Amino acid sequence: MSEDLWLNRPLVLPWLKDRWEHLLDLKSRNRFPHALLINGPEGIGKACFSLALANYVLCRNPQDSSACGKCRSCELTASGNHPDLYQLHPDEPGKPIKIDQIRELTEFIYSTAQQGGYRVVIIDPADSMNINAANALLKMLEEPGENTLLMLLSHRLGQMLPTIKSRCQRVDMPPADAVIATKWVATQLEVEPEEAAQLLVITHNSPLQALAYKQDDLLGLRAKVLKGLADILKNRSSSVEVAQQLFKEDLELILGWIYSWMVDIARSSESEADPEVLRHNDARNMLLALARKVSSRKLYAYADLVQEARRDLMFRRNPNKQLLMEKVLGEWYSLPKG
């Protein structure tokens, strides 16, 4: 099952149980907020958590700490057709949420709940709203109406307006417990714990991304990137040629890998460092070779370059992706050259 399929399942993953219990406690004490800012890294389970909370709030007869699954409201939610649940996403992945989408939400927010209970809105990712969309949302956050819950999901909190953040109760999702996450990934993928643990290293402890890596062949893309980097260092391919092979891929993901590999090089190049400190075993030989040749000055300068390229992509500065990769890979070629 890919990450996208998990996003459509209303469930609370094991490492988020404490957050779930905290919110249900607030509701039981009539202190439930009208707006939640659910913040945490990608692939931690925020989307399925928010759907589970929507189910619980909309359920007519919740049992203990979950929706009953039997009432009319639960049936509607399960079918994906609950009239009092509104999910707002960008029109296309990677694109911003626009003001017209927020305006369309207005009619829903100020209408009467068709099932006579809550109206629930999930905006994911809320940090993708452009400035006009964010400003249009402010009024709804200030005057949402009775029995309304807005959930704003974010993994880039710094990109959200302070005025938006101040009108929501922030719920920070904790990192997945390593032992629990390893066991869960191993079970879901039916692999050995060692393989699950390495997938979690590659995905920065993101369990749902770990599933996607295995099932959506992101490991194949990663192998392609590693081969391209090795070919550049061994003069089998030029940086321009490899950039042409990669610039249409997910560059944020690729640059994140490169930055992680830089961290591993820094770990192993420390004086008398044990090679076992390397976390990325699939790149081990290349990283150890570079650690013996690259100066700290060049290493940190290159890491800064990679981070700046990532920021250009994250903040949608519309860089020319092929030229961006040519620059990053050109500097990669020069790393061991003295």
C-alpha atoms as a PDB file:
ATOM      1  CA  MET A   1       0.000   0.000   0.000  1.00  0.00           C
ATOM      2  CA  SER A   2       1.529   3.345  -1.023  1.00  0.00           C
ATOM      3  CA  GLU A   3       1.647   6.436   1.143  1.00  0.00           C
ATOM      4  CA  ASP A   4      -1.242   8.004  -0.804  1.00  0.00           C
ATOM      5  CA  LEU A   5      -3.521   5.116   0.140  1.00  0.00           C
ATOM      6  CA  TRP A   6      -2.637   5.525   3.787  1.00  0.00           C
ATOM      7  CA  LEU A   7      -3.545   9.214   3.577  1.00  0.00           C
ATOM      8  CA  ASN A   8      -7.136   8.263   2.792  1.00  0.00           C
ATOM      9  CA  ARG A   9      -7.508   5.977   5.791  1.00  0.00           C
ATOM     10  CA  PRO A  10      -8.898   7.454   9.015  1.00  0.00           C
ATOM     11  CA  LEU A  11      -6.633   5.965  11.644  1.00  0.00           C
ATOM     12  CA  VAL A  12      -4.266   7.049  14.391  1.00  0.00           C
ATOM     13  CA  LEU A  13      -0.827   5.552  13.924  1.00  0.00           C
ATOM     14  CA  PRO A  14       0.811   4.149  17.069  1.00  0.00           C
ATOM     15  CA  TRP A  15       3.329   6.955  17.634  1.00  0.00           C
ATOM     16  CA  LEU A  16       0.528   9.572  17.609  1.00  0.00           C
ATOM     17  CA  LYS A  17      -1.683   8.018  20.296  1.00  0.00           C
ATOM     18  CA  ASP A  18      -0.685  10.614  22.913  1.00  0.00           C
ATOM     19  CA  ARG A  19      -1.737  13.493  20.652  1.00  0.00           C
ATOM     20  CA  TRP A  20      -5.052  11.736  19.988  1.00  0.00           C
ATOM     21  CA  GLU A  21      -5.781  11.256  23.653  1.00  0.00           C
ATOM     22  CA  HIS A  22      -4.890  14.893  24.361  1.00  0.00           C
ATOM     23  CA  LEU A  23      -7.430  16.188  21.829  1.00  0.00           C
ATOM     24  CA  LEU A  24     -10.174  13.837  22.979  1.00  0.00           C
ATOM     25  CA  ASP A  25      -9.551  14.970  26.536  1.00  0.00           C
ATOM     26  CA  LEU A  26     -10.040  18.597  25.454  1.00  0.00           C
ATOM     27  CA  LYS A  27     -13.307  17.649  23.767  1.00  0.00           C
ATOM     28  CA  SER A  28     -14.581  15.782  26.815  1.00  0.00           C
ATOM     29  CA  ARG A  29     -13.932  18.896  28.927  1.00  0.00           C
ATOM     30  CA  ASN A  30     -15.663  21.216  26.417  1.00  0.00           C
ATOM     31  CA  ARG A  31     -12.358  22.908  25.624  1.00  0.00           C
ATOM     32  CA  PHE A  32     -12.156  21.734  22.037  1.00  0.00           C
ATOM     33  CA  PRO A  33     -10.837  24.514  19.761  1.00  0.00           C
ATOM     34  CA  HIS A  34     -12.472  25.545  16.500  1.00  0.00           C
ATOM     35  CA  ALA A  35      -9.152  25.557  14.623  1.00  0.00           C
ATOM     36  CA  LEU A  36      -6.196  23.166  14.919  1.00  0.00           C
ATOM     37  CA  LEU A  37      -2.794  23.636  13.321  1.00  0.00           C
ATOM     38  CA  ILE A  38      -1.491  20.075  13.042  1.00  0.00           C
ATOM     39  CA  ASN A  39       2.234  20.399  12.507  1.00  0.00           C
ATOM     40  CA  GLY A  40       4.879  17.755  11.917  1.00  0.00           C
ATOM     41  CA  PRO A  41       7.215  16.185   9.364  1.00  0.00           C
ATOM     42  CA  GLU A  42       5.949  14.652   6.153  1.00  0.00           C
ATOM     43  CA  GLY A  43       4.985  11.006   6.285  1.00  0.00           C
ATOM     44  CA  ILE A  44       4.314  10.976  10.037  1.00  0.00           C
ATOM     45  CA  GLY A  45       0.570  10.316   9.645  1.00  0.00           C
ATOM     46  CA  LYS A  46      -0.998  13.793   9.954  1.00  0.00           C
ATOM     47  CA  ALA A  47      -3.487  13.290   7.127  1.00  0.00           C
ATOM     48  CA  CYS A  48      -4.911   9.989   8.376  1.00  0.00           C
ATOM     49  CA  PHE A  49      -4.898  11.422  11.935  1.00  0.00           C
ATOM     50  CA  SER A  50      -6.996  14.392  10.810  1.00  0.00           C
ATOM     51  CA  LEU A  51      -9.448  12.107   9.000  1.00  0.00           C
ATOM     52  CA  ALA A  52      -9.800   9.980  12.120  1.00  0.00           C
ATOM     53  CA  LEU A  53     -10.490  13.121  14.154  1.00  0.00           C
ATOM     54  CA  ALA A  54     -13.033  14.282  11.575  1.00  0.00           C
ATOM     55  CA  ASN A  55     -14.758  10.884  11.799  1.00  0.00           C
ATOM     56  CA  TYR A  56     -14.839  11.075  15.573  1.00  0.00           C
ATOM     57  CA  VAL A  57     -16.240  14.623  15.636  1.00  0.00           C
ATOM     58  CA  LEU A  58     -18.878  13.830  13.010  1.00  0.00           C
ATOM     59  CA  CYS A  59     -19.911  10.478  14.520  1.00  0.00           C
ATOM     60  CA  ARG A  60     -23.352  10.504  16.160  1.00  0.00           C
ATOM     61  CA  ASN A  61     -22.436   7.825  18.698  1.00  0.00           C
ATOM     62  CA  PRO A  62     -18.662   7.721  19.375  1.00  0.00           C
ATOM     63  CA  GLN A  63     -17.465   4.726  21.378  1.00  0.00           C
ATOM     64  CA  ASP A  64     -14.652   5.248  23.897  1.00  0.00           C
ATOM     65  CA  SER A  65     -11.942   6.914  21.811  1.00  0.00           C
ATOM     66  CA  SER A  66     -13.129   6.217  18.269  1.00  0.00           C
ATOM     67  CA  ALA A  67     -16.059   6.683  15.916  1.00  0.00           C
ATOM     68  CA  CYS A  68     -18.707   3.969  16.150  1.00  0.00           C
ATOM     69  CA  GLY A  69     -18.423   3.024  12.461  1.00  0.00           C
ATOM     70  CA  LYS A  70     -22.126   2.179  12.313  1.00  0.00           C
ATOM     71  CA  CYS A  71     -24.167   5.388  12.385  1.00  0.00           C
ATOM     72  CA  ARG A  72     -25.340   7.204   9.264  1.00  0.00           C
ATOM     73  CA  SER A  73     -22.579   9.776   9.650  1.00  0.00           C
ATOM     74  CA  CYS A  74     -19.889   7.082   9.809  1.00  0.00           C
ATOM     75  CA  GLU A  75     -21.368   5.395   6.724  1.00  0.00           C
ATOM     76  CA  LEU A  76     -21.200   8.678   4.828  1.00  0.00           C
ATOM     77  CA  THR A  77     -17.617   9.296   5.925  1.00  0.00           C
ATOM     78  CA  ALA A  78     -16.570   5.781   4.934  1.00  0.00           C
ATOM     79  CA  SER A  79     -18.056   6.300   1.468  1.00  0.00           C
ATOM     80  CA  GLY A  80     -16.144   9.575   1.056  1.00  0.00           C
ATOM     81  CA  ASN A  81     -19.398  11.504   0.652  1.00  0.00           C
ATOM     82  CA  HIS A  82     -20.067  13.119   4.017  1.00  0.00           C
ATOM     83  CA  PRO A  83     -21.751  16.464   3.256  1.00  0.00           C
ATOM     84  CA  ASP A  84     -20.303  18.070   6.401  1.00  0.00           C
ATOM     85  CA  LEU A  85     -16.660  17.198   5.671  1.00  0.00           C
ATOM     86  CA  TYR A  86     -14.701  19.450   3.304  1.00  0.00           C
ATOM     87  CA  GLN A  87     -11.167  18.541   2.241  1.00  0.00           C
ATOM     88  CA  LEU A  88      -9.109  21.221   0.510  1.00  0.00           C
ATOM     89  CA  HIS A  89      -5.888  20.446  -1.373  1.00  0.00           C
ATOM     90  CA  PRO A  90      -3.928  22.166  -4.149  1.00  0.00           C
ATOM     91  CA  ASP A  91      -5.365  21.556  -7.611  1.00  0.00           C
ATOM     92  CA  GLU A  92      -2.097  19.797  -8.481  1.00  0.00           C
ATOM     93  CA  PRO A  93       0.662  18.405  -6.239  1.00  0.00           C
ATOM     94  CA  GLY A  94       3.296  21.061  -5.598  1.00  0.00           C
ATOM     95  CA  LYS A  95       0.993  23.918  -6.630  1.00  0.00           C
ATOM     96  CA  PRO A  96      -0.346  26.577  -4.223  1.00  0.00           C
ATOM     97  CA  ILE A  97      -3.831  26.679  -2.753  1.00  0.00           C
ATOM     98  CA  LYS A  98      -5.426  29.760  -4.348  1.00  0.00           C
ATOM     99  CA  ILE A  99      -7.888  32.382  -3.180  1.00  0.00           C
ATOM    100  CA  ASP A 100     -10.680  31.008  -5.402  1.00  0.00           C
ATOM    101  CA  GLN A 101     -10.475  27.700  -3.532  1.00  0.00           C
ATOM    102  CA  ILE A 102     -10.838  29.482  -0.196  1.00  0.00           C
ATOM    103  CA  ARG A 103     -13.793  31.478  -1.537  1.00  0.00           C
ATOM    104  CA  GLU A 104     -15.501  28.234  -2.531  1.00  0.00           C
ATOM    105  CA  LEU A 105     -15.017  27.066   1.049  1.00  0.00           C
ATOM    106  CA  THR A 106     -16.962  30.085   2.395  1.00  0.00           C
ATOM    107  CA  GLU A 107     -20.364  28.715   1.388  1.00  0.00           C
ATOM    108  CA  PHE A 108     -19.651  25.468   3.230  1.00  0.00           C
ATOM    109  CA  ILE A 109     -18.364  27.186   6.386  1.00  0.00           C
ATOM    110  CA  TYR A 110     -21.432  29.382   6.816  1.00  0.00           C
ATOM    111  CA  SER A 111     -24.065  26.808   5.874  1.00  0.00           C
ATOM    112  CA  THR A 112     -26.028  24.593   8.279  1.00  0.00           C
ATOM    113  CA  ALA A 113     -24.601  21.147   8.933  1.00  0.00           C
ATOM    114  CA  GLN A 114     -26.698  18.702   6.922  1.00  0.00           C
ATOM    115  CA  GLN A 115     -26.339  15.966   9.532  1.00  0.00           C
ATOM    116  CA  GLY A 116     -27.083  18.335  12.388  1.00  0.00           C
ATOM    117  CA  GLY A 117     -23.679  18.135  14.038  1.00  0.00           C
ATOM    118  CA  TYR A 118     -20.239  19.521  13.219  1.00  0.00           C
ATOM    119  CA  ARG A 119     -18.884  20.872   9.966  1.00  0.00           C
ATOM    120  CA  VAL A 120     -15.236  19.860   9.502  1.00  0.00           C
ATOM    121  CA  VAL A 121     -12.639  21.321   7.141  1.00  0.00           C
ATOM    122  CA  ILE A 122      -9.220  19.790   6.429  1.00  0.00           C
ATOM    123  CA  ILE A 123      -6.696  21.981   4.564  1.00  0.00           C
ATOM    124  CA  ASP A 124      -3.641  19.998   3.491  1.00  0.00           C
ATOM    125  CA  PRO A 125      -0.998  21.277   3.175  1.00  0.00           C
ATOM    126  CA  ALA A 126      -2.032  24.613   4.685  1.00  0.00           C
ATOM    127  CA  ASP A 127       1.477  25.992   4.158  1.00  0.00           C
ATOM    128  CA  SER A 128       0.850  25.846   0.399  1.00  0.00           C
ATOM    129  CA  MET A 129      -1.711  28.672   0.535  1.00  0.00           C
ATOM    130  CA  ASN A 130      -0.574  31.752  -1.350  1.00  0.00           C
ATOM    131  CA  ILE A 131      -0.776  35.108   0.441  1.00  0.00           C
ATOM    132  CA  ASN A 132      -4.210  35.992  -0.927  1.00  0.00           C
ATOM    133  CA  ALA A 133      -5.655  32.609   0.021  1.00  0.00           C
ATOM    134  CA  ALA A 134      -4.200  32.864   3.532  1.00  0.00           C
ATOM    135  CA  ASN A 135      -5.671  36.332   4.028  1.00  0.00           C
ATOM    136  CA  ALA A 136      -9.059  35.112   2.804  1.00  0.00           C
ATOM    137  CA  LEU A 137      -8.965  32.302   5.368  1.00  0.00           C
ATOM    138  CA  LEU A 138      -8.373  34.700   8.267  1.00  0.00           C
ATOM    139  CA  LYS A 139     -12.020  35.794   8.520  1.00  0.00           C
ATOM    140  CA  MET A 140     -13.193  32.186   8.722  1.00  0.00           C
ATOM    141  CA  LEU A 141     -10.708  31.516  11.508  1.00  0.00           C
ATOM    142  CA  GLU A 142     -11.956  34.564  13.400  1.00  0.00           C
ATOM    143  CA  GLU A 143     -15.658  33.802  12.919  1.00  0.00           C
ATOM    144  CA  PRO A 144     -16.021  30.118  12.014  1.00  0.00           C
ATOM    145  CA  GLY A 145     -19.563  29.670  13.240  1.00  0.00           C
ATOM    146  CA  GLU A 146     -20.866  27.198  15.797  1.00  0.00           C
ATOM    147  CA  ASN A 147     -19.817  23.538  15.798  1.00  0.00           C
ATOM    148  CA  THR A 148     -17.123  24.080  13.199  1.00  0.00           C
ATOM    149  CA  LEU A 149     -13.668  22.485  13.190  1.00  0.00           C
ATOM    150  CA  LEU A 150     -10.912  23.609  10.825  1.00  0.00           C
ATOM    151  CA  MET A 151      -7.766  21.493  10.687  1.00  0.00           C
ATOM    152  CA  LEU A 152      -4.740  23.019   8.986  1.00  0.00           C
ATOM    153  CA  LEU A 153      -1.974  20.502   8.258  1.00  0.00           C
ATOM    154  CA  SER A 154       1.593  21.705   7.843  1.00  0.00           C
ATOM    155  CA  HIS A 155       5.138  20.411   7.599  1.00  0.00           C
ATOM    156  CA  ARG A 156       6.656  23.831   6.811  1.00  0.00           C
ATOM    157  CA  LEU A 157       5.404  26.020   9.604  1.00  0.00           C
ATOM    158  CA  GLY A 158       7.754  28.857   8.688  1.00  0.00           C
ATOM    159  CA  GLN A 159       5.849  29.417   5.449  1.00  0.00           C
ATOM    160  CA  MET A 160       2.576  30.207   7.190  1.00  0.00           C
ATOM    161  CA  LEU A 161       1.407  33.693   8.124  1.00  0.00           C
ATOM    162  CA  PRO A 162       1.808  34.525  11.832  1.00  0.00           C
ATOM    163  CA  THR A 163      -1.799  35.749  11.815  1.00  0.00           C
ATOM    164  CA  ILE A 164      -2.962  32.302  10.676  1.00  0.00           C
ATOM    165  CA  LYS A 165      -0.861  30.520  13.297  1.00  0.00           C
ATOM    166  CA  SER A 166      -2.062  32.774  16.103  1.00  0.00           C
ATOM    167  CA  ARG A 167      -5.711  31.895  15.410  1.00  0.00           C
ATOM    168  CA  CYS A 168      -5.205  28.147  15.686  1.00  0.00           C
ATOM    169  CA  GLN A 169      -4.327  25.832  18.538  1.00  0.00           C
ATOM    170  CA  ARG A 170      -1.073  24.237  17.530  1.00  0.00           C
ATOM    171  CA  VAL A 171      -0.716  20.464  17.793  1.00  0.00           C
ATOM    172  CA  ASP A 172       2.878  19.357  17.209  1.00  0.00           C
ATOM    173  CA  MET A 173       3.170  15.760  16.098  1.00  0.00           C
ATOM    174  CA  PRO A 174       6.147  14.040  17.752  1.00  0.00           C
ATOM    175  CA  PRO A 175       8.750  12.120  15.765  1.00  0.00           C
ATOM    176  CA  ALA A 176       7.917   8.457  15.423  1.00  0.00           C
ATOM    177  CA  ASP A 177       9.444   6.331  18.167  1.00  0.00           C
ATOM    178  CA  ALA A 178      12.246   4.415  16.428  1.00  0.00           C
ATOM    179  CA  VAL A 179      11.413   1.020  17.924  1.00  0.00           C
ATOM    180  CA  ILE A 180       7.677   1.313  17.288  1.00  0.00           C
ATOM    181  CA  ALA A 181       8.178   2.711  13.765  1.00  0.00           C
ATOM    182  CA  THR A 182      10.673  -0.013  12.796  1.00  0.00           C
ATOM    183  CA  LYS A 183       8.321  -2.759  13.939  1.00  0.00           C
ATOM    184  CA  TRP A 184       5.372  -1.112  12.170  1.00  0.00           C
ATOM    185  CA  VAL A 185       7.205  -0.633   8.846  1.00  0.00           C
ATOM    186  CA  ALA A 186       8.581  -4.191   8.981  1.00  0.00           C
ATOM    187  CA  THR A 187       5.073  -5.538   9.552  1.00  0.00           C
ATOM    188  CA  GLN A 188       3.448  -3.463   6.812  1.00  0.00           C
ATOM    189  CA  LEU A 189       6.096  -4.319   4.212  1.00  0.00           C
ATOM    190  CA  GLU A 190       6.730  -7.876   5.442  1.00  0.00           C
ATOM    191  CA  VAL A 191      10.485  -7.258   5.595  1.00  0.00           C
ATOM    192  CA  GLU A 192      13.164  -7.852   8.202  1.00  0.00           C
ATOM    193  CA  PRO A 193      13.584  -5.199  10.922  1.00  0.00           C
ATOM    194  CA  GLU A 194      17.066  -4.353   9.564  1.00  0.00           C
ATOM    195  CA  GLU A 195      15.618  -3.394   6.184  1.00  0.00           C
ATOM    196  CA  ALA A 196      12.826  -1.413   7.841  1.00  0.00           C
ATOM    197  CA  ALA A 197      15.378   0.435   9.983  1.00  0.00           C
ATOM    198  CA  GLN A 198      17.447   1.374   6.905  1.00  0.00           C
ATOM    199  CA  LEU A 199      14.322   2.647   5.121  1.00  0.00           C
ATOM    200  CA  LEU A 200      13.590   4.850   8.131  1.00  0.00           C
ATOM    201  CA  VAL A 201      17.150   6.221   7.999  1.00  0.00           C
ATOM    202  CA  ILE A 202      16.737   7.065   4.318  1.00  0.00           C
ATOM    203  CA  THR A 203      13.372   8.761   4.934  1.00  0.00           C
ATOM    204  CA  HIS A 204      14.480  10.669   8.046  1.00  0.00           C
ATOM    205  CA  ASN A 205      12.281   8.573  10.332  1.00  0.00           C
ATOM    206  CA  SER A 206       9.142   9.039   8.214  1.00  0.00           C
ATOM    207  CA  PRO A 207       7.212   5.740   8.351  1.00  0.00           C
ATOM    208  CA  LEU A 208       4.719   6.464   5.558  1.00  0.00           C
ATOM    209  CA  GLN A 209       7.484   7.639   3.257  1.00  0.00           C
ATOM    210  CA  ALA A 210       9.339   4.440   4.113  1.00  0.00           C
ATOM    211  CA  LEU A 211       6.361   2.497   2.728  1.00  0.00           C
ATOM    212  CA  ALA A 212       6.337   4.632  -0.409  1.00  0.00           C
ATOM    213  CA  TYR A 213      10.069   4.133  -0.969  1.00  0.00           C
ATOM    214  CA  LYS A 214       9.624   0.395  -1.048  1.00  0.00           C
ATOM    215  CA  GLN A 215       6.332   0.236  -2.924  1.00  0.00           C
ATOM    216  CA  ASP A 216       6.582   3.159  -5.369  1.00  0.00           C
ATOM    217  CA  ASP A 217      10.174   2.409  -6.489  1.00  0.00           C
ATOM    218  CA  LEU A 218      11.709   5.489  -4.912  1.00  0.00           C
ATOM    219  CA  LEU A 219      14.586   3.173  -4.101  1.00  0.00           C
ATOM    220  CA  GLY A 220      14.986   2.792  -7.861  1.00  0.00           C
ATOM    221  CA  LEU A 221      15.215   6.577  -8.250  1.00  0.00           C
ATOM    222  CA  ARG A 222      17.696   6.723  -5.383  1.00  0.00           C
ATOM    223  CA  ALA A 223      19.871   4.084  -7.078  1.00  0.00           C
ATOM    224  CA  LYS A 224      19.700   6.124 -10.303  1.00  0.00           C
ATOM    225  CA  VAL A 225      20.887   9.245  -8.466  1.00  0.00           C
ATOM    226  CA  LEU A 226      23.740   7.375  -6.777  1.00  0.00           C
ATOM    227  CA  LYS A 227      24.865   5.917 -10.108  1.00  0.00           C
ATOM    228  CA  GLY A 228      24.776   9.374 -11.689  1.00  0.00           C
ATOM    229  CA  LEU A 229      26.894  10.867  -8.900  1.00  0.00           C
ATOM    230  CA  ALA A 230      29.401   8.021  -9.132  1.00  0.00           C
ATOM    231  CA  ASP A 231      29.562   8.380 -12.932  1.00  0.00           C
ATOM    232  CA  ILE A 232      30.367  12.090 -12.566  1.00  0.00           C
ATOM    233  CA  LEU A 233      33.224  11.416 -10.127  1.00  0.00           C
ATOM    234  CA  LYS A 234      34.653   8.687 -12.398  1.00  0.00           C
ATOM    235  CA  ASN A 235      34.285  10.810 -15.584  1.00  0.00           C
ATOM    236  CA  ARG A 236      31.872   8.327 -17.124  1.00  0.00           C
ATOM    237  CA  SER A 237      29.220  11.054 -17.478  1.00  0.00           C
ATOM    238  CA  SER A 238      29.324  14.838 -17.297  1.00  0.00           C
ATOM    239  CA  SER A 239      27.378  16.842 -14.718  1.00  0.00           C
ATOM    240  CA  VAL A 240      25.284  18.265 -17.580  1.00  0.00           C
ATOM    241  CA  GLU A 241      24.357  14.791 -18.817  1.00  0.00           C
ATOM    242  CA  VAL A 242      23.325  13.609 -15.353  1.00  0.00           C
ATOM    243  CA  ALA A 243      21.380  16.833 -14.757  1.00  0.00           C
ATOM    244  CA  GLN A 244      19.431  16.144 -17.965  1.00  0.00           C
ATOM    245  CA  GLN A 245      18.558  12.683 -16.621  1.00  0.00           C
ATOM    246  CA  LEU A 246      17.355  13.990 -13.251  1.00  0.00           C
ATOM    247  CA  PHE A 247      15.896  17.492 -13.526  1.00  0.00           C
ATOM    248  CA  LYS A 248      12.343  16.253 -14.202  1.00  0.00           C
ATOM    249  CA  GLU A 249      12.353  14.073 -11.069  1.00  0.00           C
ATOM    250  CA  ASP A 250      11.423  15.198  -7.544  1.00  0.00           C
ATOM    251  CA  LEU A 251      14.346  17.561  -6.978  1.00  0.00           C
ATOM    252  CA  GLU A 252      13.449  18.400  -3.391  1.00  0.00           C
ATOM    253  CA  LEU A 253      13.721  14.715  -2.609  1.00  0.00           C
ATOM    254  CA  ILE A 254      16.987  14.307  -4.517  1.00  0.00           C
ATOM    255  CA  LEU A 255      18.594  17.360  -2.921  1.00  0.00           C
ATOM    256  CA  GLY A 256      17.501  16.082   0.486  1.00  0.00           C
ATOM    257  CA  TRP A 257      19.359  12.843  -0.233  1.00  0.00           C
ATOM    258  CA  ILE A 258      22.482  14.706  -1.334  1.00  0.00           C
ATOM    259  CA  TYR A 259      22.421  16.824   1.806  1.00  0.00           C
ATOM    260  CA  SER A 260      22.079  13.699   3.965  1.00  0.00           C
ATOM    261  CA  TRP A 261      25.055  12.185   2.197  1.00  0.00           C
ATOM    262  CA  MET A 262      27.042  15.337   2.960  1.00  0.00           C
ATOM    263  CA  VAL A 263      26.220  14.866   6.629  1.00  0.00           C
ATOM    264  CA  ASP A 264      27.502  11.288   6.424  1.00  0.00           C
ATOM    265  CA  ILE A 265      30.742  12.465   4.785  1.00  0.00           C
ATOM    266  CA  ALA A 266      31.203  14.980   7.587  1.00  0.00           C
ATOM    267  CA  ARG A 267      30.612  12.244  10.172  1.00  0.00           C
ATOM    268  CA  SER A 268      33.191   9.903   8.693  1.00  0.00           C
ATOM    269  CA  SER A 269      35.818  12.558   7.926  1.00  0.00           C
ATOM    270  CA  GLU A 270      36.138  13.598  11.548  1.00  0.00           C
ATOM    271  CA  SER A 271      39.473  12.750  13.069  1.00  0.00           C
ATOM    272  CA  GLU A 272      39.675   9.059  13.967  1.00  0.00           C
ATOM    273  CA  ALA A 273      35.985   8.648  13.160  1.00  0.00           C
ATOM    274  CA  ASP A 274      34.656   5.147  12.958  1.00  0.00           C
ATOM    275  CA  PRO A 275      33.308   4.292   9.462  1.00  0.00           C
ATOM    276  CA  GLU A 276      30.373   2.694  11.248  1.00  0.00           C
ATOM    277  CA  VAL A 277      28.958   6.183  11.902  1.00  0.00           C
ATOM    278  CA  LEU A 278      27.766   6.184   8.281  1.00  0.00           C
ATOM    279  CA  ARG A 279      23.981   5.899   8.224  1.00  0.00           C
ATOM    280  CA  HIS A 280      23.383   5.491   4.480  1.00  0.00           C
ATOM    281  CA  ASN A 281      24.725   2.047   3.663  1.00  0.00           C
ATOM    282  CA  ASP A 282      23.615   2.149   0.025  1.00  0.00           C
ATOM    283  CA  ALA A 283      26.109   4.995  -0.629  1.00  0.00           C
ATOM    284  CA  ARG A 284      28.795   3.724   1.726  1.00  0.00           C
ATOM    285  CA  ASN A 285      31.788   3.204  -0.585  1.00  0.00           C
ATOM    286  CA  MET A 286      31.404   6.507  -2.411  1.00  0.00           C
ATOM    287  CA  LEU A 287      30.922   8.475   0.796  1.00  0.00           C
ATOM    288  CA  LEU A 288      33.959   6.932   2.477  1.00  0.00           C
ATOM    289  CA  ALA A 289      36.089   7.698  -0.570  1.00  0.00           C
ATOM    290  CA  LEU A 290      34.974  11.327  -0.592  1.00  0.00           C
ATOM    291  CA  ALA A 291      35.524  11.663   3.154  1.00  0.00           C
ATOM    292  CA  ARG A 292      39.214  10.895   2.595  1.00  0.00           C
ATOM    293  CA  LYS A 293      39.594  13.535  -0.120  1.00  0.00           C
ATOM    294  CA  VAL A 294      37.269  16.476   0.562  1.00  0.00           C
ATOM    295  CA  SER A 295      38.305  19.328   2.839  1.00  0.00           C
ATOM    296  CA  SER A 296      35.902  20.525   5.518  1.00  0.00           C
ATOM    297  CA  ARG A 297      35.777  23.939   3.859  1.00  0.00           C
ATOM    298  CA  LYS A 298      34.646  22.523   0.516  1.00  0.00           C
ATOM    299  CA  LEU A 299      32.268  20.097   2.173  1.00  0.00           C
ATOM    300  CA  TYR A 300      30.429  22.762   4.155  1.00  0.00           C
ATOM    301  CA  ALA A 301      30.381  25.183   1.226  1.00  0.00           C
ATOM    302  CA  TYR A 302      28.789  22.482  -0.916  1.00  0.00           C
ATOM    303  CA  ALA A 303      26.240  21.626   1.790  1.00  0.00           C
ATOM    304  CA  ASP A 304      25.295  25.326   1.870  1.00  0.00           C
ATOM    305  CA  LEU A 305      24.850  25.306  -1.913  1.00  0.00           C
ATOM    306  CA  VAL A 306      22.572  22.266  -1.738  1.00  0.00           C
ATOM    307  CA  GLN A 307      20.503  23.837   1.038  1.00  0.00           C
ATOM    308  CA  GLU A 308      20.097  27.055  -0.950  1.00  0.00           C
ATOM    309  CA  ALA A 309      18.906  25.043  -3.971  1.00  0.00           C
ATOM    310  CA  ARG A 310      16.401  23.248  -1.722  1.00  0.00           C
ATOM    311  CA  ARG A 311      15.124  26.582  -0.416  1.00  0.00           C
ATOM    312  CA  ASP A 312      14.658  27.862  -3.978  1.00  0.00           C
ATOM    313  CA  LEU A 313      12.397  24.889  -4.642  1.00  0.00           C
ATOM    314  CA  MET A 314      10.595  24.903  -1.291  1.00  0.00           C
ATOM    315  CA  PHE A 315       9.760  28.598  -1.455  1.00  0.00           C
ATOM    316  CA  ARG A 316       8.684  28.298  -5.092  1.00  0.00           C
ATOM    317  CA  ARG A 317      11.171  30.811  -6.435  1.00  0.00           C
ATOM    318  CA  ASN A 318      10.650  29.133  -9.829  1.00  0.00           C
ATOM    319  CA  PRO A 319      14.266  28.263 -10.563  1.00  0.00           C
ATOM    320  CA  ASN A 320      15.222  26.705 -13.882  1.00  0.00           C
ATOM    321  CA  LYS A 321      15.439  23.128 -12.646  1.00  0.00           C
ATOM    322  CA  GLN A 322      17.896  21.891 -15.238  1.00  0.00           C
ATOM    323  CA  LEU A 323      20.303  24.778 -14.605  1.00  0.00           C
ATOM    324  CA  LEU A 324      19.886  24.312 -10.863  1.00  0.00           C
ATOM    325  CA  MET A 325      20.897  20.653 -11.125  1.00  0.00           C
ATOM    326  CA  GLU A 326      23.758  21.451 -13.487  1.00  0.00           C
ATOM    327  CA  LYS A 327      25.169  23.853 -10.899  1.00  0.00           C
ATOM    328  CA  VAL A 328      24.734  21.405  -8.008  1.00  0.00           C
ATOM    329  CA  LEU A 329      26.264  18.518  -9.958  1.00  0.00           C
ATOM    330  CA  GLY A 330      29.044  20.670 -11.375  1.00  0.00           C
ATOM    331  CA  GLU A 331      30.139  21.494  -7.846  1.00  0.00           C
ATOM    332  CA  TRP A 332      29.794  17.825  -6.909  1.00  0.00           C
ATOM    333  CA  TYR A 333      32.347  16.987  -9.617  1.00  0.00           C
ATOM    334  CA  SER A 334      34.800  19.510  -8.176  1.00  0.00           C
ATOM    335  CA  LEU A 335      34.490  18.287  -4.557  1.00  0.00           C
ATOM    336  CA  PRO A 336      37.480  15.903  -4.572  1.00  0.00           C
ATOM    337  CA  LYS A 337      39.582  18.042  -6.935  1.00  0.00           C
ATOM    338  CA  GLY A 338      41.500  19.812  -4.204  1.00  0.00           C
END
